[in-house]
């Protein structure tokens, strides 16, 4: 689960940077924001529920 979280964060950052530099691909900015929000929610759920199952 930790690896999945890291992958989502990396993809979100790459898409945010790409969306910021290339205005014609503005939808990537929104995809990056959505993935970042999902990653934050997953992190908070793991932090609240504790580390069960690694």
PDB file of N, CA and C in Angstrom:
ATOM      1  N   UNK A   1       0.834  -1.195   0.000  1.00  0.00           N
ATOM      2  CA  UNK A   1       0.000   0.000   0.000  1.00  0.00           C
ATOM      3  C   UNK A   1       0.869   1.246   0.000  1.00  0.00           C
ATOM      4  N   UNK A   2       1.994   1.194   0.684  1.00  0.00           N
ATOM      5  CA  UNK A   2       2.894   2.335   0.738  1.00  0.00           C
ATOM      6  C   UNK A   2       3.470   2.626  -0.642  1.00  0.00           C
ATOM      7  N   UNK A   3       3.812   1.579  -1.399  1.00  0.00           N
ATOM      8  CA  UNK A   3       4.354   1.752  -2.747  1.00  0.00           C
ATOM      9  C   UNK A   3       3.315   2.404  -3.656  1.00  0.00           C
ATOM     10  N   UNK A   4       2.062   1.994  -3.538  1.00  0.00           N
ATOM     11  CA  UNK A   4       0.994   2.582  -4.336  1.00  0.00           C
ATOM     12  C   UNK A   4       0.853   4.071  -4.036  1.00  0.00           C
ATOM     13  N   UNK A   5       0.940   4.439  -2.769  1.00  0.00           N
ATOM     14  CA  UNK A   5       0.846   5.842  -2.371  1.00  0.00           C
ATOM     15  C   UNK A   5       1.981   6.650  -2.981  1.00  0.00           C
ATOM     16  N   UNK A   6       3.194   6.123  -2.955  1.00  0.00           N
ATOM     17  CA  UNK A   6       4.350   6.819  -3.527  1.00  0.00           C
ATOM     18  C   UNK A   6       4.171   6.995  -5.032  1.00  0.00           C
ATOM     19  N   UNK A   7       3.703   5.955  -5.714  1.00  0.00           N
ATOM     20  CA  UNK A   7       3.500   6.032  -7.164  1.00  0.00           C
ATOM     21  C   UNK A   7       2.455   7.093  -7.500  1.00  0.00           C
ATOM     22  N   UNK A   8       1.363   7.134  -6.750  1.00  0.00           N
ATOM     23  CA  UNK A   8       0.314   8.121  -7.005  1.00  0.00           C
ATOM     24  C   UNK A   8       0.842   9.532  -6.798  1.00  0.00           C
ATOM     25  N   UNK A   9       1.626   9.748  -5.745  1.00  0.00           N
ATOM     26  CA  UNK A   9       2.187  11.073  -5.482  1.00  0.00           C
ATOM     27  C   UNK A   9       3.124  11.491  -6.604  1.00  0.00           C
ATOM     28  N   UNK A  10       3.995  10.593  -7.060  1.00  0.00           N
ATOM     29  CA  UNK A  10       4.940  10.915  -8.136  1.00  0.00           C
ATOM     30  C   UNK A  10       4.189  11.265  -9.418  1.00  0.00           C
ATOM     31  N   UNK A  11       3.190  10.462  -9.769  1.00  0.00           N
ATOM     32  CA  UNK A  11       2.408  10.737 -10.978  1.00  0.00           C
ATOM     33  C   UNK A  11       1.683  12.075 -10.850  1.00  0.00           C
ATOM     34  N   UNK A  12       1.136  12.361  -9.674  1.00  0.00           N
ATOM     35  CA  UNK A  12       0.438  13.627  -9.466  1.00  0.00           C
ATOM     36  C   UNK A  12       1.376  14.811  -9.642  1.00  0.00           C
ATOM     37  N   UNK A  13       2.586  14.723  -9.081  1.00  0.00           N
ATOM     38  CA  UNK A  13       3.553  15.819  -9.203  1.00  0.00           C
ATOM     39  C   UNK A  13       3.965  16.011 -10.656  1.00  0.00           C
ATOM     40  N   UNK A  14       4.240  14.918 -11.365  1.00  0.00           N
ATOM     41  CA  UNK A  14       4.636  15.016 -12.779  1.00  0.00           C
ATOM     42  C   UNK A  14       3.517  15.647 -13.601  1.00  0.00           C
ATOM     43  N   UNK A  15       2.287  15.225 -13.364  1.00  0.00           N
ATOM     44  CA  UNK A  15       1.168  15.790 -14.121  1.00  0.00           C
ATOM     45  C   UNK A  15       0.937  17.255 -13.768  1.00  0.00           C
ATOM     46  N   UNK A  16       1.137  17.623 -12.504  1.00  0.00           N
ATOM     47  CA  UNK A  16       0.992  19.028 -12.124  1.00  0.00           C
ATOM     48  C   UNK A  16       2.038  19.891 -12.817  1.00  0.00           C
ATOM     49  N   UNK A  17       3.285  19.426 -12.861  1.00  0.00           N
ATOM     50  CA  UNK A  17       4.356  20.175 -13.526  1.00  0.00           C
ATOM     51  C   UNK A  17       4.070  20.274 -15.021  1.00  0.00           C
ATOM     52  N   UNK A  18       3.699  19.157 -15.630  1.00  0.00           N
ATOM     53  CA  UNK A  18       3.394  19.149 -17.064  1.00  0.00           C
ATOM     54  C   UNK A  18       2.217  20.079 -17.363  1.00  0.00           C
ATOM     55  N   UNK A  19       1.202  20.014 -16.558  1.00  0.00           N
ATOM     56  CA  UNK A  19       0.038  20.878 -16.759  1.00  0.00           C
ATOM     57  C   UNK A  19       0.367  22.344 -16.558  1.00  0.00           C
ATOM     58  N   UNK A  20       1.311  22.644 -15.683  1.00  0.00           N
ATOM     59  CA  UNK A  20       1.711  24.028 -15.458  1.00  0.00           C
ATOM     60  C   UNK A  20       2.514  24.591 -16.615  1.00  0.00           C
ATOM     61  N   UNK A  21       3.377  23.779 -17.222  1.00  0.00           N
ATOM     62  CA  UNK A  21       4.237  24.259 -18.304  1.00  0.00           C
ATOM     63  C   UNK A  21       3.538  24.246 -19.657  1.00  0.00           C
ATOM     64  N   UNK A  22       2.621  23.331 -19.864  1.00  0.00           N
ATOM     65  CA  UNK A  22       1.967  23.200 -21.167  1.00  0.00           C
ATOM     66  C   UNK A  22       0.493  23.563 -21.002  1.00  0.00           C
ATOM     67  N   UNK A  23       0.161  24.790 -21.342  1.00  0.00           N
ATOM     68  CA  UNK A  23      -1.206  25.254 -21.103  1.00  0.00           C
ATOM     69  C   UNK A  23      -2.213  24.567 -22.013  1.00  0.00           C
ATOM     70  N   UNK A  24      -1.767  24.077 -23.163  1.00  0.00           N
ATOM     71  CA  UNK A  24      -2.700  23.391 -24.060  1.00  0.00           C
ATOM     72  C   UNK A  24      -3.145  22.047 -23.485  1.00  0.00           C
ATOM     73  N   UNK A  25      -2.393  21.523 -22.529  1.00  0.00           N
ATOM     74  CA  UNK A  25      -2.763  20.265 -21.871  1.00  0.00           C
ATOM     75  C   UNK A  25      -3.273  20.545 -20.466  1.00  0.00           C
ATOM     76  N   UNK A  26      -4.183  21.510 -20.364  1.00  0.00           N
ATOM     77  CA  UNK A  26      -4.652  21.967 -19.056  1.00  0.00           C
ATOM     78  C   UNK A  26      -5.388  20.863 -18.290  1.00  0.00           C
ATOM     79  N   UNK A  27      -5.973  19.901 -19.008  1.00  0.00           N
ATOM     80  CA  UNK A  27      -6.683  18.827 -18.308  1.00  0.00           C
ATOM     81  C   UNK A  27      -5.739  18.013 -17.430  1.00  0.00           C
ATOM     82  N   UNK A  28      -4.437  17.960 -17.793  1.00  0.00           N
ATOM     83  CA  UNK A  28      -3.471  17.238 -16.965  1.00  0.00           C
ATOM     84  C   UNK A  28      -3.329  17.895 -15.593  1.00  0.00           C
ATOM     85  N   UNK A  29      -3.493  19.205 -15.553  1.00  0.00           N
ATOM     86  CA  UNK A  29      -3.440  19.911 -14.274  1.00  0.00           C
ATOM     87  C   UNK A  29      -4.550  19.407 -13.353  1.00  0.00           C
ATOM     88  N   UNK A  30      -5.747  19.243 -13.903  1.00  0.00           N
ATOM     89  CA  UNK A  30      -6.866  18.763 -13.091  1.00  0.00           C
ATOM     90  C   UNK A  30      -6.676  17.309 -12.691  1.00  0.00           C
ATOM     91  N   UNK A  31      -6.145  16.498 -13.603  1.00  0.00           N
ATOM     92  CA  UNK A  31      -5.865  15.097 -13.271  1.00  0.00           C
ATOM     93  C   UNK A  31      -4.845  15.029 -12.142  1.00  0.00           C
ATOM     94  N   UNK A  32      -3.813  15.872 -12.211  1.00  0.00           N
ATOM     95  CA  UNK A  32      -2.790  15.910 -11.164  1.00  0.00           C
ATOM     96  C   UNK A  32      -3.373  16.324  -9.825  1.00  0.00           C
ATOM     97  N   UNK A  33      -4.255  17.315  -9.846  1.00  0.00           N
ATOM     98  CA  UNK A  33      -4.888  17.764  -8.602  1.00  0.00           C
ATOM     99  C   UNK A  33      -5.739  16.646  -8.006  1.00  0.00           C
ATOM    100  N   UNK A  34      -6.508  15.959  -8.849  1.00  0.00           N
ATOM    101  CA  UNK A  34      -7.355  14.861  -8.367  1.00  0.00           C
ATOM    102  C   UNK A  34      -6.501  13.749  -7.766  1.00  0.00           C
ATOM    103  N   UNK A  35      -5.407  13.376  -8.450  1.00  0.00           N
ATOM    104  CA  UNK A  35      -4.530  12.326  -7.923  1.00  0.00           C
ATOM    105  C   UNK A  35      -3.876  12.764  -6.614  1.00  0.00           C
ATOM    106  N   UNK A  36      -3.495  14.036  -6.517  1.00  0.00           N
ATOM    107  CA  UNK A  36      -2.896  14.532  -5.278  1.00  0.00           C
ATOM    108  C   UNK A  36      -3.905  14.459  -4.132  1.00  0.00           C
ATOM    109  N   UNK A  37      -5.148  14.823  -4.402  1.00  0.00           N
ATOM    110  CA  UNK A  37      -6.188  14.753  -3.371  1.00  0.00           C
ATOM    111  C   UNK A  37      -6.416  13.304  -2.943  1.00  0.00           C
ATOM    112  N   UNK A  38      -6.456  12.383  -3.912  1.00  0.00           N
ATOM    113  CA  UNK A  38      -6.623  10.964  -3.584  1.00  0.00           C
ATOM    114  C   UNK A  38      -5.463  10.473  -2.722  1.00  0.00           C
ATOM    115  N   UNK A  39      -4.231  10.895  -3.067  1.00  0.00           N
ATOM    116  CA  UNK A  39      -3.066  10.476  -2.290  1.00  0.00           C
ATOM    117  C   UNK A  39      -3.144  11.010  -0.863  1.00  0.00           C
ATOM    118  N   UNK A  40      -3.581  12.259  -0.704  1.00  0.00           N
ATOM    119  CA  UNK A  40      -3.706  12.838   0.638  1.00  0.00           C
ATOM    120  C   UNK A  40      -4.774  12.100   1.436  1.00  0.00           C
ATOM    121  N   UNK A  41      -5.900  11.783   0.804  1.00  0.00           N
ATOM    122  CA  UNK A  41      -6.967  11.054   1.495  1.00  0.00           C
ATOM    123  C   UNK A  41      -6.478   9.675   1.927  1.00  0.00           C
ATOM    124  N   UNK A  42      -5.760   8.978   1.035  1.00  0.00           N
ATOM    125  CA  UNK A  42      -5.223   7.658   1.392  1.00  0.00           C
ATOM    126  C   UNK A  42      -4.247   7.770   2.554  1.00  0.00           C
ATOM    127  N   UNK A  43      -3.391   8.802   2.529  1.00  0.00           N
ATOM    128  CA  UNK A  43      -2.429   8.994   3.610  1.00  0.00           C
ATOM    129  C   UNK A  43      -3.149   9.247   4.929  1.00  0.00           C
ATOM    130  N   UNK A  44      -4.165  10.097   4.903  1.00  0.00           N
ATOM    131  CA  UNK A  44      -4.907  10.397   6.127  1.00  0.00           C
ATOM    132  C   UNK A  44      -5.636   9.162   6.650  1.00  0.00           C
ATOM    133  N   UNK A  45      -6.222   8.369   5.756  1.00  0.00           N
ATOM    134  CA  UNK A  45      -6.892   7.147   6.196  1.00  0.00           C
ATOM    135  C   UNK A  45      -5.911   6.186   6.849  1.00  0.00           C
ATOM    136  N   UNK A  46      -4.704   6.072   6.269  1.00  0.00           N
ATOM    137  CA  UNK A  46      -3.695   5.187   6.856  1.00  0.00           C
ATOM    138  C   UNK A  46      -3.224   5.732   8.201  1.00  0.00           C
ATOM    139  N   UNK A  47      -3.076   7.052   8.298  1.00  0.00           N
ATOM    140  CA  UNK A  47      -2.602   7.653   9.543  1.00  0.00           C
ATOM    141  C   UNK A  47      -3.650   7.503  10.648  1.00  0.00           C
ATOM    142  N   UNK A  48      -4.916   7.646  10.294  1.00  0.00           N
ATOM    143  CA  UNK A  48      -5.987   7.552  11.289  1.00  0.00           C
ATOM    144  C   UNK A  48      -6.215   6.106  11.713  1.00  0.00           C
ATOM    145  N   UNK A  49      -6.237   5.194  10.739  1.00  0.00           N
ATOM    146  CA  UNK A  49      -6.563   3.804  11.056  1.00  0.00           C
ATOM    147  C   UNK A  49      -5.378   3.042  11.633  1.00  0.00           C
ATOM    148  N   UNK A  50      -4.190   3.591  11.516  1.00  0.00           N
ATOM    149  CA  UNK A  50      -3.007   2.900  12.020  1.00  0.00           C
ATOM    150  C   UNK A  50      -2.385   2.042  10.942  1.00  0.00           C
ATOM    151  N   UNK A  51      -1.247   1.423  11.266  1.00  0.00           N
ATOM    152  CA  UNK A  51      -0.516   0.640  10.264  1.00  0.00           C
ATOM    153  C   UNK A  51      -0.862  -0.830  10.409  1.00  0.00           C
ATOM    154  N   UNK A  52      -2.015  -1.209   9.907  1.00  0.00           N
ATOM    155  CA  UNK A  52      -2.428  -2.609   9.931  1.00  0.00           C
ATOM    156  C   UNK A  52      -2.139  -3.227   8.578  1.00  0.00           C
ATOM    157  N   UNK A  53      -1.397  -4.306   8.534  1.00  0.00           N
ATOM    158  CA  UNK A  53      -1.195  -5.033   7.294  1.00  0.00           C
ATOM    159  C   UNK A  53      -0.035  -4.563   6.448  1.00  0.00           C
ATOM    160  N   UNK A  54       0.667  -3.522   6.857  1.00  0.00           N
ATOM    161  CA  UNK A  54       1.832  -2.992   6.135  1.00  0.00           C
ATOM    162  C   UNK A  54       1.537  -2.933   4.659  1.00  0.00           C
TER     163      UNK A  54
END
